[in-house]
Amino acid sequence: MIISGRIEGGKFSNLPHLLRSFKQFEDRRVTITIAPLKPKWTDQQRKFLFGAVYPFVADLLELTVEEARSGLKGLYLFERHGVMKVLRSEKDLSIEEYAEYLDRIDVFCVDHFGINIPEAEK
């Protein structure tokens, strides 16, 4: 269960909902984790990445969109676990991570083709 809220004046803004939710766990051991909310990237950003950036890179490299996506993720969207590289999913990116990923793709295009990725529509 995830309950979002804000800490204001040392109190949780969604406390009544949180307390009501405890009833379903009566007499059970639980773990409660509090972490900052990581804003996710928007549908508009997702449409830009999948509808403009990946197809743009695919055309430059003469690949399918899925091949371009896979290759870019292999270059820039992974975590190291020991000796292994594990690809991350775009859906797990925060807004900042999304912007960083686009910047890396843009630098890749400039370095290899002398051209920037398209601008996002505003």
C-alpha atoms as a PDB file:
ATOM      1  CA  MET A   1       0.000   0.000   0.000  1.00  0.00           C
ATOM      2  CA  ILE A   2       1.254   3.477  -0.838  1.00  0.00           C
ATOM      3  CA  ILE A   3      -0.250   6.583   0.714  1.00  0.00           C
ATOM      4  CA  SER A   4       1.060   9.929  -0.426  1.00  0.00           C
ATOM      5  CA  GLY A   5       0.946  13.155   1.510  1.00  0.00           C
ATOM      6  CA  ARG A   6       3.077  16.006   2.746  1.00  0.00           C
ATOM      7  CA  ILE A   7       4.854  16.552   6.045  1.00  0.00           C
ATOM      8  CA  GLU A   8       3.796  19.979   7.347  1.00  0.00           C
ATOM      9  CA  GLY A   9       4.742  21.239  10.773  1.00  0.00           C
ATOM     10  CA  GLY A  10       5.968  17.768  11.686  1.00  0.00           C
ATOM     11  CA  LYS A  11       2.574  16.192  10.864  1.00  0.00           C
ATOM     12  CA  PHE A  12       1.478  14.011   7.955  1.00  0.00           C
ATOM     13  CA  SER A  13      -1.199  15.765   5.884  1.00  0.00           C
ATOM     14  CA  ASN A  14      -3.018  12.525   5.032  1.00  0.00           C
ATOM     15  CA  LEU A  15      -3.008  11.072   8.550  1.00  0.00           C
ATOM     16  CA  PRO A  16      -6.740  10.171   8.735  1.00  0.00           C
ATOM     17  CA  HIS A  17      -6.476   8.036   5.588  1.00  0.00           C
ATOM     18  CA  LEU A  18      -3.289   6.404   6.873  1.00  0.00           C
ATOM     19  CA  LEU A  19      -4.894   5.500  10.208  1.00  0.00           C
ATOM     20  CA  ARG A  20      -7.997   4.058   8.502  1.00  0.00           C
ATOM     21  CA  SER A  21      -5.716   1.926   6.340  1.00  0.00           C
ATOM     22  CA  PHE A  22      -4.129   0.326   9.396  1.00  0.00           C
ATOM     23  CA  LYS A  23      -7.332  -1.650  10.115  1.00  0.00           C
ATOM     24  CA  GLN A  24      -6.674  -4.110   7.294  1.00  0.00           C
ATOM     25  CA  PHE A  25      -3.355  -5.051   8.896  1.00  0.00           C
ATOM     26  CA  GLU A  26      -4.713  -5.650  12.396  1.00  0.00           C
ATOM     27  CA  ASP A  27      -2.658  -8.253  14.320  1.00  0.00           C
ATOM     28  CA  ARG A  28      -0.084  -8.536  11.495  1.00  0.00           C
ATOM     29  CA  ARG A  29       3.565  -7.535  11.375  1.00  0.00           C
ATOM     30  CA  VAL A  30       4.200  -4.707   8.890  1.00  0.00           C
ATOM     31  CA  THR A  31       7.011  -2.508   7.648  1.00  0.00           C
ATOM     32  CA  ILE A  32       6.378   1.184   7.128  1.00  0.00           C
ATOM     33  CA  THR A  33       8.730   3.114   4.852  1.00  0.00           C
ATOM     34  CA  ILE A  34       8.732   6.886   4.477  1.00  0.00           C
ATOM     35  CA  ALA A  35      10.502   8.306   1.441  1.00  0.00           C
ATOM     36  CA  PRO A  36      10.387  11.505  -0.575  1.00  0.00           C
ATOM     37  CA  LEU A  37       7.981  11.388  -3.490  1.00  0.00           C
ATOM     38  CA  LYS A  38       9.869  11.060  -6.761  1.00  0.00           C
ATOM     39  CA  PRO A  39       7.893  12.958  -9.422  1.00  0.00           C
ATOM     40  CA  LYS A  40       7.495  10.856 -12.539  1.00  0.00           C
ATOM     41  CA  TRP A  41       7.755  12.154 -16.054  1.00  0.00           C
ATOM     42  CA  THR A  42       4.566  13.089 -17.870  1.00  0.00           C
ATOM     43  CA  ASP A  43       2.563  11.447 -20.662  1.00  0.00           C
ATOM     44  CA  GLN A  44       3.625  14.328 -22.922  1.00  0.00           C
ATOM     45  CA  GLN A  45       7.293  13.560 -22.222  1.00  0.00           C
ATOM     46  CA  ARG A  46       6.683   9.842 -22.839  1.00  0.00           C
ATOM     47  CA  LYS A  47       4.995  10.596 -26.173  1.00  0.00           C
ATOM     48  CA  PHE A  48       7.929  12.800 -27.183  1.00  0.00           C
ATOM     49  CA  LEU A  49      10.508  10.115 -26.353  1.00  0.00           C
ATOM     50  CA  PHE A  50       8.627   7.264 -28.038  1.00  0.00           C
ATOM     51  CA  GLY A  51       7.032   9.304 -30.838  1.00  0.00           C
ATOM     52  CA  ALA A  52       9.889  11.624 -31.819  1.00  0.00           C
ATOM     53  CA  VAL A  53      13.267  10.827 -30.256  1.00  0.00           C
ATOM     54  CA  TYR A  54      13.438   7.049 -30.687  1.00  0.00           C
ATOM     55  CA  PRO A  55      12.123   7.216 -34.300  1.00  0.00           C
ATOM     56  CA  PHE A  56      14.586  10.045 -35.070  1.00  0.00           C
ATOM     57  CA  VAL A  57      17.548   7.985 -33.845  1.00  0.00           C
ATOM     58  CA  ALA A  58      16.200   4.884 -35.607  1.00  0.00           C
ATOM     59  CA  ASP A  59      16.146   6.775 -38.920  1.00  0.00           C
ATOM     60  CA  LEU A  60      19.706   8.041 -38.406  1.00  0.00           C
ATOM     61  CA  LEU A  61      21.006   4.543 -37.688  1.00  0.00           C
ATOM     62  CA  GLU A  62      18.719   2.736 -40.154  1.00  0.00           C
ATOM     63  CA  LEU A  63      17.283   0.611 -37.355  1.00  0.00           C
ATOM     64  CA  THR A  64      13.793  -0.196 -36.161  1.00  0.00           C
ATOM     65  CA  VAL A  65      12.484   2.012 -33.380  1.00  0.00           C
ATOM     66  CA  GLU A  66      12.740  -0.888 -30.927  1.00  0.00           C
ATOM     67  CA  GLU A  67      16.363  -1.543 -31.911  1.00  0.00           C
ATOM     68  CA  ALA A  68      17.232   2.136 -31.438  1.00  0.00           C
ATOM     69  CA  ARG A  69      15.455   2.172 -28.070  1.00  0.00           C
ATOM     70  CA  SER A  70      17.268  -0.955 -26.915  1.00  0.00           C
ATOM     71  CA  GLY A  71      20.637   0.380 -28.046  1.00  0.00           C
ATOM     72  CA  LEU A  72      20.173   3.751 -26.336  1.00  0.00           C
ATOM     73  CA  LYS A  73      19.041   2.093 -23.120  1.00  0.00           C
ATOM     74  CA  GLY A  74      22.138  -0.111 -23.283  1.00  0.00           C
ATOM     75  CA  LEU A  75      24.327   2.967 -23.588  1.00  0.00           C
ATOM     76  CA  TYR A  76      22.658   5.314 -21.118  1.00  0.00           C
ATOM     77  CA  LEU A  77      19.871   3.706 -19.111  1.00  0.00           C
ATOM     78  CA  PHE A  78      21.300   0.964 -16.947  1.00  0.00           C
ATOM     79  CA  GLU A  79      22.467   0.157 -13.443  1.00  0.00           C
ATOM     80  CA  ARG A  80      25.536  -1.865 -12.614  1.00  0.00           C
ATOM     81  CA  HIS A  81      25.076  -4.883 -10.381  1.00  0.00           C
ATOM     82  CA  GLY A  82      28.559  -6.284  -9.918  1.00  0.00           C
ATOM     83  CA  VAL A  83      29.878  -7.162 -13.346  1.00  0.00           C
ATOM     84  CA  MET A  84      26.423  -7.082 -14.920  1.00  0.00           C
ATOM     85  CA  LYS A  85      24.643  -4.142 -16.570  1.00  0.00           C
ATOM     86  CA  VAL A  86      20.879  -4.242 -15.954  1.00  0.00           C
ATOM     87  CA  LEU A  87      18.734  -2.097 -18.235  1.00  0.00           C
ATOM     88  CA  ARG A  88      16.276   0.251 -16.536  1.00  0.00           C
ATOM     89  CA  SER A  89      12.782   0.965 -17.729  1.00  0.00           C
ATOM     90  CA  GLU A  90      11.939   4.463 -18.888  1.00  0.00           C
ATOM     91  CA  LYS A  91       8.770   4.378 -16.774  1.00  0.00           C
ATOM     92  CA  ASP A  92      10.898   4.418 -13.595  1.00  0.00           C
ATOM     93  CA  LEU A  93      12.641   7.686 -14.472  1.00  0.00           C
ATOM     94  CA  SER A  94      12.109  10.828 -12.456  1.00  0.00           C
ATOM     95  CA  ILE A  95      11.691  14.094 -14.336  1.00  0.00           C
ATOM     96  CA  GLU A  96      15.369  14.906 -13.752  1.00  0.00           C
ATOM     97  CA  GLU A  97      16.516  11.462 -14.911  1.00  0.00           C
ATOM     98  CA  TYR A  98      14.341  11.793 -18.027  1.00  0.00           C
ATOM     99  CA  ALA A  99      15.949  15.154 -18.877  1.00  0.00           C
ATOM    100  CA  GLU A 100      19.419  13.685 -18.287  1.00  0.00           C
ATOM    101  CA  TYR A 101      18.605  10.713 -20.551  1.00  0.00           C
ATOM    102  CA  LEU A 102      17.429  13.047 -23.342  1.00  0.00           C
ATOM    103  CA  ASP A 103      20.590  15.134 -22.950  1.00  0.00           C
ATOM    104  CA  ARG A 104      22.742  12.034 -23.357  1.00  0.00           C
ATOM    105  CA  ILE A 105      20.814  10.990 -26.467  1.00  0.00           C
ATOM    106  CA  ASP A 106      21.222  14.504 -27.864  1.00  0.00           C
ATOM    107  CA  VAL A 107      24.995  14.461 -27.252  1.00  0.00           C
ATOM    108  CA  PHE A 108      25.152  11.032 -28.935  1.00  0.00           C
ATOM    109  CA  CYS A 109      23.391  12.407 -32.028  1.00  0.00           C
ATOM    110  CA  VAL A 110      25.605  15.493 -32.169  1.00  0.00           C
ATOM    111  CA  ASP A 111      28.811  13.474 -31.673  1.00  0.00           C
ATOM    112  CA  HIS A 112      27.974  10.853 -34.299  1.00  0.00           C
ATOM    113  CA  PHE A 113      25.820  12.738 -36.820  1.00  0.00           C
ATOM    114  CA  GLY A 114      26.332  16.450 -36.134  1.00  0.00           C
ATOM    115  CA  ILE A 115      22.636  16.971 -35.518  1.00  0.00           C
ATOM    116  CA  ASN A 116      20.498  17.582 -32.409  1.00  0.00           C
ATOM    117  CA  ILE A 117      17.411  15.587 -31.533  1.00  0.00           C
ATOM    118  CA  PRO A 118      14.144  17.371 -32.368  1.00  0.00           C
ATOM    119  CA  GLU A 119      12.807  19.994 -29.963  1.00  0.00           C
ATOM    120  CA  ALA A 120       9.834  19.017 -27.837  1.00  0.00           C
ATOM    121  CA  GLU A 121       6.613  20.825 -28.677  1.00  0.00           C
ATOM    122  CA  LYS A 122       5.647  23.339 -26.042  1.00  0.00           C
END
